[in-house]
């Protein structure tokens, strides 16, 4: 997990040999959750999961939370738990923005403080900063309450990732022997049966949307006052510019309101769709199993019939062999009598050929 552009896909590509899309710019390439094929590390079979950040450029925060929550709840219900979580952070950032702090806050609410001992906060992109500057930023991250200090106090680790296979392996090695854990959002959704809006992450996101809506209303009031003043001063150019700003703000407000309304309904709808897909898949698997069983039965019947025919052929051949032996003995006793001997000389090769054919 981590912010958009923090190097999540690059980390997985490096250690798992995958080819997840990596964007050179600010636009996110991770449109959904991606799972790496399993690989061996330290005698363990490891699978990595790549998730979009809450500041994704292609998805709303509601869509990201819904996607992650749905994936984690389904994983829990199928008995697959996580040994650990890697949160990636760019040490190259000049400062920890409000978006990053918010992203990490939602991350903590997904995990739960009791599971932070299974979390590694990995700083990367060290090659883009002077070592002394990077070290100063790392110290600030570790000691400031507004950054990672509270999580570290709960057992999370702060490590450096230098985009080498060795450092990536070291990060994973620190997690793969952990006792698998149930994340907070998995417990809330599956064990406690909460609606997604009632989870800690859902409540935090909902509160942020409420605060954002309040901020938008204040901005709208101010813009309308400025538009009124521009109209009184007959400053049409300023009024038109303010109108464009107001329209953009109204569009953002509608989007915000829709996100708040969609958080619960979208999760329920997508969960229902996934359940239907799983049921359809289960029916397909059952149909395939039934078809394989029928094919196996047909093959078994064909082999049984072939064995029965082979037994009958063997019995017929044995009978003909006895008859040939008897005829040969009779011929020897009679010493090749006239026409009968000639007839026997004709019949024995013919019977012998028949036995060979069978």
Protein backbone atom coordinates (compact mmCIF):
# COMPACT_ATOMS: atom_id res chain seq x y z
CA UNK A 1 0.00 0.00 0.00
CA UNK A 2 0.98 3.64 -0.30
CA UNK A 3 0.32 6.85 -2.17
CA UNK A 4 0.08 7.05 -5.94
CA UNK A 5 3.59 7.00 -7.39
CA UNK A 6 5.22 5.66 -4.22
CA UNK A 7 6.64 2.66 -6.08
CA UNK A 8 4.24 -0.14 -5.10
CA UNK A 9 4.08 -1.74 -8.56
CA UNK A 10 7.84 -1.30 -9.07
CA UNK A 11 8.52 -3.08 -5.77
CA UNK A 12 6.40 -6.06 -6.78
CA UNK A 13 7.84 -6.18 -10.30
CA UNK A 14 11.33 -6.25 -8.81
CA UNK A 15 10.80 -9.05 -6.33
CA UNK A 16 8.13 -11.15 -8.06
CA UNK A 17 9.28 -10.77 -11.68
CA UNK A 18 5.88 -9.42 -12.72
CA UNK A 19 5.15 -6.74 -15.29
CA UNK A 20 2.61 -4.54 -13.52
CA UNK A 21 2.13 -1.16 -15.20
CA UNK A 22 4.38 1.59 -13.85
CA UNK A 23 3.71 5.24 -14.70
CA UNK A 24 6.53 7.75 -15.24
CA UNK A 25 4.32 10.70 -14.33
CA UNK A 26 1.67 11.55 -11.79
CA UNK A 27 -1.16 9.58 -13.33
CA UNK A 28 -1.86 6.30 -11.61
CA UNK A 29 -1.48 3.08 -13.59
CA UNK A 30 -2.95 0.79 -10.94
CA UNK A 31 -6.64 0.77 -11.84
CA UNK A 32 -7.46 -2.07 -9.47
CA UNK A 33 -6.01 -4.67 -7.18
CA UNK A 34 -3.40 -6.92 -8.78
CA UNK A 35 -2.02 -10.16 -7.34
CA UNK A 36 1.42 -11.48 -8.22
CA UNK A 37 2.01 -15.13 -9.07
CA UNK A 38 3.49 -16.96 -6.07
CA UNK A 39 7.28 -17.19 -5.76
CA UNK A 40 9.64 -18.84 -3.28
CA UNK A 41 11.57 -16.83 -0.69
CA UNK A 42 13.36 -18.33 2.31
CA UNK A 43 11.57 -21.63 1.78
CA UNK A 44 8.16 -19.92 1.87
CA UNK A 45 5.62 -19.50 -0.93
CA UNK A 46 4.96 -15.75 -1.18
CA UNK A 47 2.19 -13.84 -2.93
CA UNK A 48 2.12 -10.03 -3.13
CA UNK A 49 -0.97 -7.83 -3.55
CA UNK A 50 -0.80 -4.40 -5.19
CA UNK A 51 -3.48 -1.86 -4.24
CA UNK A 52 -4.29 1.64 -5.52
CA UNK A 53 -3.66 4.62 -3.24
CA UNK A 54 -6.42 6.75 -1.79
CA UNK A 55 -5.15 9.64 -3.90
CA UNK A 56 -5.51 7.62 -7.12
CA UNK A 57 -6.03 9.73 -10.25
CA UNK A 58 -8.42 7.25 -11.87
CA UNK A 59 -10.52 6.25 -8.87
CA UNK A 60 -12.35 8.13 -6.13
CA UNK A 61 -11.47 7.43 -2.51
CA UNK A 62 -14.84 5.73 -2.13
CA UNK A 63 -14.04 3.40 -5.02
CA UNK A 64 -10.58 2.63 -3.63
CA UNK A 65 -11.91 1.85 -0.13
CA UNK A 66 -14.71 -0.28 -1.59
CA UNK A 67 -12.24 -2.19 -3.76
CA UNK A 68 -9.78 -2.87 -0.95
CA UNK A 69 -12.51 -3.73 1.57
CA UNK A 70 -14.19 -6.12 -0.85
CA UNK A 71 -10.93 -7.88 -1.69
CA UNK A 72 -9.88 -8.23 1.96
CA UNK A 73 -13.30 -9.47 3.13
CA UNK A 74 -13.41 -12.10 0.37
CA UNK A 75 -9.84 -13.17 1.19
CA UNK A 76 -10.78 -13.55 4.86
CA UNK A 77 -13.91 -15.55 4.06
CA UNK A 78 -11.87 -17.91 1.88
CA UNK A 79 -9.40 -18.47 4.73
CA UNK A 80 -6.50 -16.46 3.27
CA UNK A 81 -4.90 -14.13 5.82
CA UNK A 82 -2.01 -11.68 5.47
CA UNK A 83 1.39 -12.17 7.07
CA UNK A 84 2.20 -8.49 6.69
CA UNK A 85 1.68 -5.19 4.93
CA UNK A 86 4.31 -2.94 3.30
CA UNK A 87 3.50 0.78 3.24
CA UNK A 88 5.75 2.60 0.76
CA UNK A 89 6.70 6.28 1.23
CA UNK A 90 8.86 8.47 -1.01
CA UNK A 91 11.80 9.92 0.94
CA UNK A 92 12.24 12.24 -2.05
CA UNK A 93 9.13 14.23 -1.10
CA UNK A 94 10.07 17.71 0.12
CA UNK A 95 7.46 17.46 2.83
CA UNK A 96 4.79 15.08 4.04
CA UNK A 97 1.65 16.52 2.51
CA UNK A 98 -1.81 16.46 3.99
CA UNK A 99 -2.76 13.89 1.37
CA UNK A 100 0.04 11.57 2.54
CA UNK A 101 -0.95 11.93 6.21
CA UNK A 102 -4.58 11.28 5.29
CA UNK A 103 -3.54 8.28 3.18
CA UNK A 104 -1.60 6.83 6.10
CA UNK A 105 -4.47 7.55 8.49
CA UNK A 106 -6.86 5.53 6.33
CA UNK A 107 -4.20 2.82 6.06
CA UNK A 108 -3.98 2.57 9.87
CA UNK A 109 -7.77 2.30 10.11
CA UNK A 110 -7.72 -0.52 7.57
CA UNK A 111 -5.06 -2.42 9.52
CA UNK A 112 -5.90 -1.60 13.12
CA UNK A 113 -3.28 -0.57 15.66
CA UNK A 114 -3.10 -4.09 17.06
CA UNK A 115 -1.79 -5.30 13.67
CA UNK A 116 0.90 -2.64 13.20
CA UNK A 117 3.51 -5.16 14.40
CA UNK A 118 2.91 -6.82 11.01
CA UNK A 119 3.56 -3.56 9.12
CA UNK A 120 6.76 -2.32 7.49
CA UNK A 121 6.95 1.34 6.47
CA UNK A 122 9.50 1.33 3.65
CA UNK A 123 11.01 4.63 2.51
CA UNK A 124 12.26 4.53 -1.08
CA UNK A 125 13.64 6.68 -3.88
CA UNK A 126 16.78 7.39 -1.84
CA UNK A 127 18.71 7.85 -5.06
CA UNK A 128 16.83 11.12 -5.69
CA UNK A 129 18.03 12.87 -2.51
CA UNK A 130 21.29 13.76 -0.83
CA UNK A 131 22.00 11.15 1.89
CA UNK A 132 22.10 13.78 4.64
CA UNK A 133 18.81 15.30 3.53
CA UNK A 134 17.25 11.85 3.36
CA UNK A 135 18.52 10.98 6.83
CA UNK A 136 17.07 14.21 8.26
CA UNK A 137 13.68 13.47 6.67
CA UNK A 138 13.76 9.89 7.94
CA UNK A 139 14.44 11.12 11.50
CA UNK A 140 11.53 13.55 11.24
CA UNK A 141 9.22 10.81 10.03
CA UNK A 142 10.22 8.58 12.93
CA UNK A 143 9.98 11.18 15.72
CA UNK A 144 7.06 13.44 14.80
CA UNK A 145 3.61 12.54 16.15
CA UNK A 146 1.96 13.85 12.99
CA UNK A 147 3.91 11.37 10.86
CA UNK A 148 4.91 7.75 11.63
CA UNK A 149 5.93 7.92 15.31
CA UNK A 150 2.57 6.65 16.71
CA UNK A 151 2.61 3.67 14.34
CA UNK A 152 6.22 2.85 15.23
CA UNK A 153 5.27 2.97 18.91
CA UNK A 154 2.66 0.28 18.15
CA UNK A 155 5.27 -2.05 16.64
CA UNK A 156 5.57 -0.98 12.99
CA UNK A 157 9.07 -1.00 11.46
CA UNK A 158 10.67 1.86 9.51
CA UNK A 159 13.19 0.60 6.93
CA UNK A 160 14.92 1.80 3.78
CA UNK A 161 14.32 0.32 0.34
CA UNK A 162 17.04 1.09 -2.19
CA UNK A 163 15.33 -0.50 -5.20
CA UNK A 164 17.58 -3.55 -5.04
CA UNK A 165 16.47 -7.14 -4.88
CA UNK A 166 18.48 -7.54 -1.68
CA UNK A 167 16.65 -4.75 0.18
CA UNK A 168 13.25 -5.91 -1.14
CA UNK A 169 13.98 -9.46 0.05
CA UNK A 170 15.05 -8.14 3.45
CA UNK A 171 11.72 -6.30 3.81
CA UNK A 172 9.72 -9.41 2.93
CA UNK A 173 11.89 -11.66 5.10
CA UNK A 174 10.94 -9.50 8.10
CA UNK A 175 7.26 -10.29 7.45
CA UNK A 176 6.88 -13.79 6.02
CA UNK A 177 7.48 -15.58 9.33
CA UNK A 178 4.82 -13.50 11.12
CA UNK A 179 1.70 -15.13 12.43
CA UNK A 180 -1.04 -14.42 9.83
CA UNK A 181 -3.34 -11.69 11.09
CA UNK A 182 -6.90 -10.47 10.65
CA UNK A 183 -6.94 -6.80 9.66
CA UNK A 184 -9.36 -4.47 11.40
CA UNK A 185 -11.56 -3.92 8.35
CA UNK A 186 -11.80 -7.69 7.80
CA UNK A 187 -12.96 -8.19 11.38
CA UNK A 188 -15.41 -5.29 11.17
CA UNK A 189 -16.99 -6.37 7.88
CA UNK A 190 -17.01 -10.16 8.23
CA UNK A 191 -16.88 -11.04 11.92
CA UNK A 192 -18.87 -8.09 13.30
CA UNK A 193 -21.10 -7.71 10.24
CA UNK A 194 -20.77 -3.93 10.02
CA UNK A 195 -21.70 -1.83 7.04
CA UNK A 196 -18.66 -0.30 5.38
CA UNK A 197 -19.74 3.16 6.56
CA UNK A 198 -19.56 1.86 10.15
CA UNK A 199 -15.95 0.67 9.87
CA UNK A 200 -13.13 2.86 11.20
CA UNK A 201 -11.86 3.53 7.67
CA UNK A 202 -15.36 4.21 6.38
CA UNK A 203 -16.10 6.61 9.22
CA UNK A 204 -12.86 8.50 8.68
CA UNK A 205 -13.47 8.78 4.95
CA UNK A 206 -17.08 9.83 5.57
CA UNK A 207 -15.98 12.48 8.06
CA UNK A 208 -13.45 13.81 5.57
CA UNK A 209 -16.16 14.04 2.92
CA UNK A 210 -18.40 15.91 5.38
CA UNK A 211 -15.60 18.35 6.23
CA UNK A 212 -14.81 18.77 2.57
CA UNK A 213 -18.46 19.55 1.85
CA UNK A 214 -18.42 22.17 4.63
CA UNK A 215 -15.30 23.72 3.15
CA UNK A 216 -16.89 23.76 -0.29
CA UNK A 217 -19.97 25.56 1.04
CA UNK A 218 -17.77 28.25 2.56
CA UNK A 219 -15.89 28.67 -0.71
CA UNK A 220 -19.17 28.88 -2.63
CA UNK A 221 -20.48 31.61 -0.32
CA UNK A 222 -17.31 33.64 -0.80
CA UNK A 223 -17.41 33.24 -4.61
CA UNK A 224 -21.04 34.35 -4.76
CA UNK A 225 -20.21 37.45 -2.70
CA UNK A 226 -17.35 38.30 -5.04
CA UNK A 227 -19.64 37.77 -8.05
CA UNK A 228 -22.20 40.16 -6.55
CA UNK A 229 -19.49 42.77 -5.96
CA UNK A 230 -18.21 42.36 -9.53
CA UNK A 231 -21.74 42.77 -10.87
CA UNK A 232 -22.23 45.99 -8.90
CA UNK A 233 -18.92 47.32 -10.22
CA UNK A 234 -19.88 46.18 -13.71
CA UNK A 235 -16.67 44.16 -13.89
CA UNK A 236 -17.99 41.55 -16.32
CA UNK A 237 -14.62 39.89 -16.93
CA UNK A 238 -14.10 39.17 -13.24
CA UNK A 239 -17.69 37.99 -12.94
CA UNK A 240 -17.23 35.52 -15.83
CA UNK A 241 -14.00 34.19 -14.30
CA UNK A 242 -15.73 33.76 -10.95
CA UNK A 243 -18.62 32.00 -12.65
CA UNK A 244 -16.23 29.43 -14.12
CA UNK A 245 -14.70 28.88 -10.68
CA UNK A 246 -18.17 28.52 -9.17
CA UNK A 247 -19.20 25.95 -11.79
CA UNK A 248 -16.10 23.89 -11.12
CA UNK A 249 -16.78 24.09 -7.40
CA UNK A 250 -20.41 23.03 -7.84
CA UNK A 251 -19.24 20.09 -9.91
CA UNK A 252 -16.82 19.09 -7.13
CA UNK A 253 -19.59 19.45 -4.55
CA UNK A 254 -21.90 17.16 -6.51
CA UNK A 255 -19.09 14.62 -6.81
CA UNK A 256 -18.45 14.83 -3.07
CA UNK A 257 -22.12 14.33 -2.25
CA UNK A 258 -22.32 11.38 -4.62
CA UNK A 259 -19.29 9.79 -2.96
CA UNK A 260 -20.93 10.05 0.45
CA UNK A 261 -24.13 8.49 -0.88
CA UNK A 262 -22.28 5.76 -2.79
CA UNK A 263 -19.98 4.50 -0.03
CA UNK A 264 -22.50 2.07 1.45
CA UNK A 265 -24.54 1.27 -1.66
CA UNK A 266 -21.49 0.71 -3.87
CA UNK A 267 -19.91 -1.77 -1.47
CA UNK A 268 -23.19 -3.69 -1.08
CA UNK A 269 -23.77 -3.72 -4.84
CA UNK A 270 -20.26 -4.88 -5.71
CA UNK A 271 -20.29 -7.49 -2.97
CA UNK A 272 -23.54 -8.85 -4.37
CA UNK A 273 -22.06 -8.87 -7.88
CA UNK A 274 -18.97 -10.69 -6.67
CA UNK A 275 -21.11 -13.24 -4.83
CA UNK A 276 -23.04 -13.84 -8.06
CA UNK A 277 -19.80 -14.24 -9.99
CA UNK A 278 -18.46 -16.69 -7.42
CA UNK A 279 -21.71 -18.66 -7.54
CA UNK A 280 -21.53 -18.76 -11.34
CA UNK A 281 -17.92 -19.89 -11.14
CA UNK A 282 -18.85 -22.58 -8.64
CA UNK A 283 -21.60 -23.84 -10.96
CA UNK A 284 -19.14 -23.92 -13.86
CA UNK A 285 -16.63 -25.86 -11.78
CA UNK A 286 -19.32 -28.31 -10.72
CA UNK A 287 -20.41 -28.75 -14.35
CA UNK A 288 -16.80 -29.34 -15.40
CA UNK A 289 -16.35 -31.87 -12.59
CA UNK A 290 -19.54 -33.68 -13.64
CA UNK A 291 -18.36 -33.72 -17.27
CA UNK A 292 -14.97 -35.11 -16.23
CA UNK A 293 -16.72 -37.76 -14.16
CA UNK A 294 -18.88 -38.76 -17.15
CA UNK A 295 -15.82 -38.89 -19.39
CA UNK A 296 -14.00 -41.00 -16.82
CA UNK A 297 -16.97 -43.37 -16.57
CA UNK A 298 -17.11 -43.66 -20.37
CA UNK A 299 -13.39 -44.42 -20.45
CA UNK A 300 -13.78 -46.98 -17.65
CA UNK A 301 -16.65 -48.68 -19.51
CA UNK A 302 -14.62 -48.74 -22.74
CA UNK A 303 -11.63 -50.30 -20.96
CA UNK A 304 -13.88 -52.87 -19.27
CA UNK A 305 -15.42 -53.77 -22.64
CA UNK A 306 -11.96 -54.02 -24.21
CA UNK A 307 -10.76 -56.27 -21.40
CA UNK A 308 -13.85 -58.45 -21.78
CA UNK A 309 -13.25 -58.78 -25.53
CA UNK A 310 -9.59 -59.57 -24.91
CA UNK A 311 -10.62 -62.31 -22.45
CA UNK A 312 -13.07 -63.75 -24.99
CA UNK A 313 -10.43 -63.65 -27.75
CA UNK A 314 -7.92 -65.39 -25.44
CA UNK A 315 -10.46 -68.10 -24.62
CA UNK A 316 -11.29 -68.61 -28.32
CA UNK A 317 -7.61 -68.77 -29.20
CA UNK A 318 -6.98 -71.32 -26.47
CA UNK A 319 -9.88 -73.45 -27.75
CA UNK A 320 -8.58 -73.32 -31.33
CA UNK A 321 -5.10 -74.21 -30.16
CA UNK A 322 -6.47 -77.31 -28.44
CA UNK A 323 -8.39 -78.28 -31.54
CA UNK A 324 -5.27 -77.86 -33.66
CA UNK A 325 -3.31 -80.04 -31.27
CA UNK A 326 -6.01 -82.73 -31.36
CA UNK A 327 -6.13 -82.69 -35.16
CA UNK A 328 -2.36 -82.94 -35.33
CA UNK A 329 -2.38 -85.93 -32.98
CA UNK A 330 -5.11 -87.63 -35.05
CA UNK A 331 -3.14 -87.03 -38.21
CA UNK A 332 -0.02 -88.56 -36.67
CA UNK A 333 -1.94 -91.66 -35.52
CA UNK A 334 -3.55 -92.19 -38.88
CA UNK A 335 -0.33 -91.67 -40.70
CA UNK A 336 -1.77 -89.34 -43.32
CA UNK A 337 -4.62 -91.56 -44.71
CA UNK A 338 -5.59 -90.63 -48.29
CA UNK A 339 -8.04 -87.85 -48.82
CA UNK A 340 -8.58 -87.35 -45.09
CA UNK A 341 -4.91 -86.62 -44.62
CA UNK A 342 -5.05 -84.10 -47.47
CA UNK A 343 -8.10 -82.48 -45.92
CA UNK A 344 -6.30 -82.23 -42.57
CA UNK A 345 -3.27 -80.71 -44.23
CA UNK A 346 -5.56 -78.01 -45.57
CA UNK A 347 -7.53 -77.39 -42.34
CA UNK A 348 -4.61 -77.10 -39.92
CA UNK A 349 -2.88 -74.16 -41.71
CA UNK A 350 -6.25 -72.45 -42.09
CA UNK A 351 -7.06 -72.78 -38.37
CA UNK A 352 -3.52 -71.74 -37.48
CA UNK A 353 -3.93 -68.58 -39.60
CA UNK A 354 -7.23 -67.83 -37.84
CA UNK A 355 -5.57 -68.16 -34.40
CA UNK A 356 -2.77 -65.84 -35.45
CA UNK A 357 -5.33 -63.32 -36.69
CA UNK A 358 -7.17 -63.41 -33.37
